[in-house]
C-alpha atoms as a PDB file:
ATOM      1  CA  MET A   1      52.070 108.623  95.431  1.00  0.00           C
ATOM      2  CA  THR A   2      55.295 110.367  96.599  1.00  0.00           C
ATOM      3  CA  HIS A   3      58.473 108.691  96.894  1.00  0.00           C
ATOM      4  CA  PRO A   4      59.233 107.822 100.643  1.00  0.00           C
ATOM      5  CA  GLN A   5      62.136 110.028 100.727  1.00  0.00           C
ATOM      6  CA  GLN A   6      60.659 112.821  99.134  1.00  0.00           C
ATOM      7  CA  LYS A   7      61.442 115.001 102.159  1.00  0.00           C
ATOM      8  CA  LEU A   8      65.103 114.179 102.115  1.00  0.00           C
ATOM      9  CA  LEU A   9      65.688 114.341  98.607  1.00  0.00           C
ATOM     10  CA  GLU A  10      64.129 117.721  98.336  1.00  0.00           C
ATOM     11  CA  VAL A  11      66.691 118.908 100.994  1.00  0.00           C
ATOM     12  CA  MET A  12      69.267 117.162  99.889  1.00  0.00           C
ATOM     13  CA  VAL A  13      69.012 119.131  96.397  1.00  0.00           C
ATOM     14  CA  LYS A  14      68.353 122.501  98.154  1.00  0.00           C
ATOM     15  CA  GLU A  15      71.733 121.737 100.544  1.00  0.00           C
ATOM     16  CA  ALA A  16      73.754 121.007  97.142  1.00  0.00           C
ATOM     17  CA  PHE A  17      72.383 124.481  95.433  1.00  0.00           C
ATOM     18  CA  ASP A  18      73.175 126.174  98.385  1.00  0.00           C
ATOM     19  CA  CYS A  19      76.586 124.661  98.713  1.00  0.00           C
ATOM     20  CA  PHE A  20      77.309 126.139  95.346  1.00  0.00           C
ATOM     21  CA  LYS A  21      75.999 129.756  96.031  1.00  0.00           C
ATOM     22  CA  ARG A  22      78.829 129.440  99.086  1.00  0.00           C
ATOM     23  CA  GLY A  23      81.340 128.190  96.867  1.00  0.00           C
ATOM     24  CA  ASP A  24      81.544 124.680  98.746  1.00  0.00           C
ATOM     25  CA  HIS A  25      81.751 122.588  95.306  1.00  0.00           C
ATOM     26  CA  GLU A  26      83.125 119.722  97.053  1.00  0.00           C
ATOM     27  CA  ASP A  27      80.322 119.142  99.241  1.00  0.00           C
ATOM     28  CA  GLY A  28      77.610 120.096  96.788  1.00  0.00           C
ATOM     29  CA  LYS A  29      79.014 117.474  94.291  1.00  0.00           C
ATOM     30  CA  ALA A  30      78.939 115.061  97.337  1.00  0.00           C
ATOM     31  CA  LEU A  31      75.061 115.864  97.794  1.00  0.00           C
ATOM     32  CA  LEU A  32      74.192 115.800  94.173  1.00  0.00           C
ATOM     33  CA  TYR A  33      75.745 112.152  93.565  1.00  0.00           C
ATOM     34  CA  SER A  34      74.198 110.972  96.951  1.00  0.00           C
ATOM     35  CA  PHE A  35      70.578 112.350  95.316  1.00  0.00           C
ATOM     36  CA  PHE A  36      71.752 110.819  92.136  1.00  0.00           C
ATOM     37  CA  ASP A  37      72.341 107.620  93.948  1.00  0.00           C
ATOM     38  CA  LYS A  38      68.630 107.378  94.925  1.00  0.00           C
ATOM     39  CA  PHE A  39      67.338 106.920  91.425  1.00  0.00           C
ATOM     40  CA  ASP A  40      66.427 103.489  89.884  1.00  0.00           C
ATOM     41  CA  PRO A  41      69.725 102.770  87.641  1.00  0.00           C
ATOM     42  CA  THR A  42      67.225 102.610  84.709  1.00  0.00           C
ATOM     43  CA  ILE A  43      65.662 106.087  85.058  1.00  0.00           C
ATOM     44  CA  LEU A  44      69.255 107.188  84.569  1.00  0.00           C
ATOM     45  CA  GLN A  45      70.291 104.663  81.780  1.00  0.00           C
ATOM     46  CA  GLU A  46      67.391 106.624  79.931  1.00  0.00           C
ATOM     47  CA  THR A  47      67.966 110.144  80.871  1.00  0.00           C
ATOM     48  CA  ALA A  48      71.738 109.443  79.611  1.00  0.00           C
ATOM     49  CA  LYS A  49      70.075 108.616  76.091  1.00  0.00           C
ATOM     50  CA  ASP A  50      68.155 111.867  76.358  1.00  0.00           C
ATOM     51  CA  LYS A  51      70.281 113.856  73.597  1.00  0.00           C
ATOM     52  CA  LYS A  52      67.886 117.277  74.168  1.00  0.00           C
ATOM     53  CA  PHE A  53      68.181 117.022  77.934  1.00  0.00           C
ATOM     54  CA  ILE A  54      72.000 116.396  77.454  1.00  0.00           C
ATOM     55  CA  TYR A  55      72.012 119.640  75.090  1.00  0.00           C
ATOM     56  CA  GLU A  56      70.414 121.286  78.238  1.00  0.00           C
ATOM     57  CA  LEU A  57      72.747 120.352  80.428  1.00  0.00           C
ATOM     58  CA  ILE A  58      75.690 121.436  78.135  1.00  0.00           C
ATOM     59  CA  LYS A  59      73.975 124.601  77.387  1.00  0.00           C
ATOM     60  CA  ALA A  60      73.356 125.536  81.725  1.00  0.00           C
ATOM     61  CA  LYS A  61      76.991 124.426  81.919  1.00  0.00           C
ATOM     62  CA  ASN A  62      78.063 127.086  80.236  1.00  0.00           C
ATOM     63  CA  SER A  63      75.854 129.610  81.883  1.00  0.00           C
ATOM     64  CA  ASP A  64      77.315 132.800  83.566  1.00  0.00           C
ATOM     65  CA  ASN A  65      74.972 131.528  86.905  1.00  0.00           C
ATOM     66  CA  GLU A  66      77.575 129.733  89.012  1.00  0.00           C
ATOM     67  CA  VAL A  67      74.942 127.572  90.882  1.00  0.00           C
ATOM     68  CA  ASN A  68      73.070 126.820  87.274  1.00  0.00           C
ATOM     69  CA  SER A  69      76.700 125.899  85.860  1.00  0.00           C
ATOM     70  CA  MET A  70      78.152 123.799  88.782  1.00  0.00           C
ATOM     71  CA  SER A  71      74.947 121.738  89.132  1.00  0.00           C
ATOM     72  CA  ALA A  72      75.054 120.876  85.590  1.00  0.00           C
ATOM     73  CA  LEU A  73      78.654 120.217  85.288  1.00  0.00           C
ATOM     74  CA  PHE A  74      78.424 117.643  88.466  1.00  0.00           C
ATOM     75  CA  MET A  75      74.993 116.158  86.387  1.00  0.00           C
ATOM     76  CA  LEU A  76      76.535 115.601  83.253  1.00  0.00           C
ATOM     77  CA  ASP A  77      79.760 113.939  85.290  1.00  0.00           C
ATOM     78  CA  TYR A  78      77.452 111.388  87.049  1.00  0.00           C
ATOM     79  CA  LEU A  79      75.661 110.821  83.777  1.00  0.00           C
ATOM     80  CA  LYS A  80      79.047 109.853  82.330  1.00  0.00           C
ATOM     81  CA  LYS A  81      78.855 106.829  84.410  1.00  0.00           C
ATOM     82  CA  TYR A  82      75.823 105.847  82.553  1.00  0.00           C
ATOM     83  CA  GLY A  83      77.468 105.853  79.034  1.00  0.00           C
ATOM     84  CA  VAL A  84      76.946 109.587  78.261  1.00  0.00           C
ATOM     85  CA  GLU A  85      79.673 110.526  75.457  1.00  0.00           C
ATOM     86  CA  LEU A  86      80.279 114.183  75.449  1.00  0.00           C
END
């Protein structure tokens, strides 16, 4: 079964990445945060505890690819709200 707002969520993520490609980091961040806000908090809390996932985000944050780097940076920033220690 698909999420009732799946199409909206897909568009939000695509637009966030498009914003990063254009250098519009503020709007990209806002869209990513809105996307994450749609998640069940328990999923985010579990993700925050996944050390391998956090490590992969940190690697992506240091990427030469600006889109990957910015999206990883903002994901890490968002996860800090859920107790991720970096």
